[in-house]
Amino acid sequence: MLIRKISIGGDYKSNAMHYLVGQEVLGGSYSIHLIQQDLESESFKVWVERENEILLWKEFRSSMPISLEYNINF
C-alpha cells in the first residue's frame, strides 16, 4: 500500500510535522517523491526528487509518534 502522508510528533494538530507526497520542500527546489516503510530498519524514509535525481532526505524511526495516511483509489 502506498503511503500518501506521514505526520511526525505527539500532537497531530499543533506540534506534528506533516510530509505529503508531491509537497515542495527545501525552498521549493525539491518535492517529496516517495514515503517508504523500511521493515528491516523499522523506519519510515522520505525520498525527494528534482529533475532526474532522487535522494533520501529524512528517516524516522518507529520509536517516534507517527501517523500515516495511505493512497486510496476509488
N, C-alpha and C. Protein backbone atom coordinates (compact mmCIF):
# COMPACT_ATOMS: atom_id res chain seq x y z
N MET A 1 0.83 -1.18 0.00
CA MET A 1 0.00 0.00 0.00
C MET A 1 0.88 1.25 0.00
N LEU A 2 0.53 2.21 -0.80
CA LEU A 2 1.33 3.43 -0.91
C LEU A 2 0.97 4.43 0.17
N ILE A 3 1.99 4.98 0.81
CA ILE A 3 1.79 6.00 1.84
C ILE A 3 1.70 7.36 1.15
N ARG A 4 0.65 8.11 1.46
CA ARG A 4 0.41 9.43 0.88
C ARG A 4 0.94 10.54 1.77
N LYS A 5 0.85 10.34 3.11
CA LYS A 5 1.23 11.39 4.04
C LYS A 5 1.75 10.74 5.33
N ILE A 6 2.78 11.35 5.91
CA ILE A 6 3.29 10.93 7.22
C ILE A 6 3.34 12.16 8.12
N SER A 7 2.88 11.98 9.35
CA SER A 7 2.93 13.04 10.34
C SER A 7 3.76 12.56 11.50
N ILE A 8 4.71 13.36 11.93
CA ILE A 8 5.65 13.00 12.99
C ILE A 8 5.44 13.92 14.18
N GLY A 9 5.18 13.35 15.34
CA GLY A 9 5.02 14.14 16.55
C GLY A 9 3.81 13.70 17.34
N GLY A 10 3.85 13.98 18.64
CA GLY A 10 2.82 13.51 19.54
C GLY A 10 1.49 14.23 19.43
N ASP A 11 1.50 15.51 19.09
CA ASP A 11 0.27 16.29 19.00
C ASP A 11 0.01 16.58 17.53
N TYR A 12 -0.86 15.78 16.92
CA TYR A 12 -1.10 15.82 15.47
C TYR A 12 -1.46 17.23 14.98
N LYS A 13 -2.32 17.92 15.70
CA LYS A 13 -2.82 19.22 15.21
C LYS A 13 -1.87 20.38 15.44
N SER A 14 -1.13 20.39 16.55
CA SER A 14 -0.33 21.58 16.82
C SER A 14 1.17 21.42 16.68
N ASN A 15 1.72 20.28 17.00
CA ASN A 15 3.18 20.18 17.02
C ASN A 15 3.76 19.18 16.03
N ALA A 16 2.93 18.45 15.31
CA ALA A 16 3.46 17.45 14.39
C ALA A 16 3.96 18.09 13.09
N MET A 17 4.96 17.46 12.50
CA MET A 17 5.44 17.84 11.17
C MET A 17 4.75 16.92 10.17
N HIS A 18 4.23 17.50 9.08
CA HIS A 18 3.47 16.74 8.10
C HIS A 18 4.23 16.75 6.77
N TYR A 19 4.36 15.58 6.17
CA TYR A 19 5.04 15.44 4.88
C TYR A 19 4.11 14.69 3.94
N LEU A 20 3.88 15.26 2.75
CA LEU A 20 2.91 14.76 1.79
C LEU A 20 3.59 14.54 0.45
N VAL A 21 3.33 13.40 -0.18
CA VAL A 21 3.91 13.13 -1.50
C VAL A 21 3.48 14.24 -2.45
N GLY A 22 4.44 14.80 -3.17
CA GLY A 22 4.21 15.90 -4.09
C GLY A 22 4.46 17.27 -3.48
N GLN A 23 4.60 17.34 -2.16
CA GLN A 23 4.83 18.61 -1.46
C GLN A 23 6.21 19.16 -1.81
N GLU A 24 6.27 20.46 -2.07
CA GLU A 24 7.56 21.10 -2.30
C GLU A 24 8.27 21.31 -0.97
N VAL A 25 9.57 21.03 -0.94
CA VAL A 25 10.38 21.16 0.27
C VAL A 25 11.71 21.80 -0.11
N LEU A 26 12.49 22.13 0.91
CA LEU A 26 13.82 22.70 0.72
C LEU A 26 13.77 23.94 -0.16
N GLY A 27 12.87 24.86 0.21
CA GLY A 27 12.74 26.11 -0.52
C GLY A 27 12.17 25.95 -1.91
N GLY A 28 11.45 24.87 -2.15
CA GLY A 28 10.85 24.63 -3.46
C GLY A 28 11.78 24.00 -4.47
N SER A 29 13.00 23.68 -4.06
CA SER A 29 13.95 23.10 -5.00
C SER A 29 13.75 21.59 -5.18
N TYR A 30 13.04 20.95 -4.27
CA TYR A 30 12.74 19.52 -4.36
C TYR A 30 11.26 19.31 -4.05
N SER A 31 10.75 18.14 -4.42
CA SER A 31 9.41 17.74 -3.99
C SER A 31 9.50 16.32 -3.44
N ILE A 32 8.58 15.99 -2.56
CA ILE A 32 8.59 14.65 -1.97
C ILE A 32 8.15 13.64 -3.01
N HIS A 33 8.98 12.68 -3.28
CA HIS A 33 8.76 11.67 -4.31
C HIS A 33 8.06 10.43 -3.74
N LEU A 34 8.49 9.98 -2.56
CA LEU A 34 8.00 8.72 -2.02
C LEU A 34 8.17 8.71 -0.51
N ILE A 35 7.20 8.15 0.19
CA ILE A 35 7.32 7.88 1.62
C ILE A 35 7.27 6.36 1.74
N GLN A 36 8.31 5.79 2.30
CA GLN A 36 8.51 4.34 2.26
C GLN A 36 8.70 3.78 3.66
N GLN A 37 8.03 2.67 3.94
CA GLN A 37 8.26 1.96 5.19
C GLN A 37 9.37 0.94 4.96
N ASP A 38 10.39 0.97 5.80
CA ASP A 38 11.51 0.03 5.72
C ASP A 38 11.37 -0.94 6.89
N LEU A 39 10.91 -2.15 6.59
CA LEU A 39 10.67 -3.14 7.65
C LEU A 39 11.96 -3.61 8.30
N GLU A 40 13.04 -3.66 7.53
CA GLU A 40 14.31 -4.14 8.06
C GLU A 40 14.86 -3.20 9.15
N SER A 41 14.81 -1.90 8.89
CA SER A 41 15.34 -0.94 9.87
C SER A 41 14.25 -0.39 10.79
N GLU A 42 13.01 -0.84 10.59
CA GLU A 42 11.87 -0.37 11.38
C GLU A 42 11.79 1.15 11.37
N SER A 43 11.80 1.70 10.16
CA SER A 43 11.78 3.15 10.00
C SER A 43 10.91 3.52 8.80
N PHE A 44 10.69 4.82 8.66
CA PHE A 44 9.99 5.37 7.51
C PHE A 44 10.95 6.33 6.83
N LYS A 45 11.07 6.24 5.52
CA LYS A 45 12.01 7.06 4.76
C LYS A 45 11.25 7.99 3.82
N VAL A 46 11.72 9.23 3.75
CA VAL A 46 11.14 10.22 2.86
C VAL A 46 12.16 10.53 1.78
N TRP A 47 11.77 10.24 0.53
CA TRP A 47 12.63 10.46 -0.63
C TRP A 47 12.18 11.71 -1.36
N VAL A 48 13.11 12.54 -1.81
CA VAL A 48 12.80 13.75 -2.56
C VAL A 48 13.37 13.65 -3.97
N GLU A 49 12.80 14.46 -4.86
CA GLU A 49 13.27 14.45 -6.25
C GLU A 49 13.38 15.86 -6.80
N ARG A 50 14.30 15.97 -7.74
CA ARG A 50 14.50 17.20 -8.52
C ARG A 50 15.02 16.76 -9.87
N GLU A 51 14.28 17.10 -10.91
CA GLU A 51 14.60 16.67 -12.27
C GLU A 51 14.73 15.15 -12.29
N ASN A 52 15.86 14.58 -12.62
CA ASN A 52 16.03 13.12 -12.67
C ASN A 52 16.78 12.57 -11.46
N GLU A 53 16.86 13.35 -10.41
CA GLU A 53 17.63 12.97 -9.22
C GLU A 53 16.66 12.66 -8.07
N ILE A 54 16.81 11.48 -7.46
CA ILE A 54 16.01 11.08 -6.30
C ILE A 54 16.97 10.79 -5.15
N LEU A 55 16.72 11.45 -3.99
CA LEU A 55 17.61 11.34 -2.84
C LEU A 55 16.83 11.02 -1.58
N LEU A 56 17.46 10.27 -0.67
CA LEU A 56 16.89 10.06 0.65
C LEU A 56 17.07 11.34 1.44
N TRP A 57 15.97 11.90 1.95
CA TRP A 57 16.01 13.17 2.65
C TRP A 57 15.90 12.99 4.16
N LYS A 58 14.93 12.19 4.61
CA LYS A 58 14.71 12.02 6.04
C LYS A 58 14.39 10.56 6.34
N GLU A 59 14.72 10.17 7.56
CA GLU A 59 14.37 8.83 8.04
C GLU A 59 13.88 8.97 9.48
N PHE A 60 12.72 8.39 9.74
CA PHE A 60 12.12 8.45 11.06
C PHE A 60 12.02 7.04 11.62
N ARG A 61 12.52 6.85 12.83
CA ARG A 61 12.45 5.54 13.50
C ARG A 61 11.05 5.34 14.05
N SER A 62 10.63 4.09 14.13
CA SER A 62 9.28 3.79 14.58
C SER A 62 9.09 4.07 16.07
N SER A 63 10.15 4.43 16.79
CA SER A 63 10.02 4.78 18.20
C SER A 63 9.39 6.16 18.39
N MET A 64 9.29 6.94 17.32
CA MET A 64 8.68 8.27 17.37
C MET A 64 7.18 8.13 17.12
N PRO A 65 6.36 9.06 17.66
CA PRO A 65 4.93 9.04 17.34
C PRO A 65 4.73 9.35 15.85
N ILE A 66 4.10 8.43 15.13
CA ILE A 66 3.92 8.56 13.68
C ILE A 66 2.47 8.26 13.32
N SER A 67 1.92 9.09 12.43
CA SER A 67 0.60 8.85 11.88
C SER A 67 0.75 8.77 10.37
N LEU A 68 0.08 7.80 9.75
CA LEU A 68 0.19 7.59 8.31
C LEU A 68 -1.17 7.76 7.63
N GLU A 69 -1.14 8.26 6.41
CA GLU A 69 -2.31 8.25 5.53
C GLU A 69 -1.90 7.50 4.28
N TYR A 70 -2.75 6.62 3.82
CA TYR A 70 -2.46 5.81 2.63
C TYR A 70 -3.25 6.34 1.43
N ASN A 71 -2.72 6.07 0.23
CA ASN A 71 -3.45 6.38 -1.01
C ASN A 71 -4.63 5.45 -1.10
N ILE A 72 -5.79 6.02 -1.35
CA ILE A 72 -7.00 5.22 -1.57
C ILE A 72 -7.54 5.62 -2.92
N ASN A 73 -7.59 4.69 -3.85
CA ASN A 73 -8.09 4.95 -5.18
C ASN A 73 -9.49 4.35 -5.31
N PHE A 74 -10.47 5.20 -5.54
CA PHE A 74 -11.86 4.75 -5.67
C PHE A 74 -12.19 4.51 -7.12
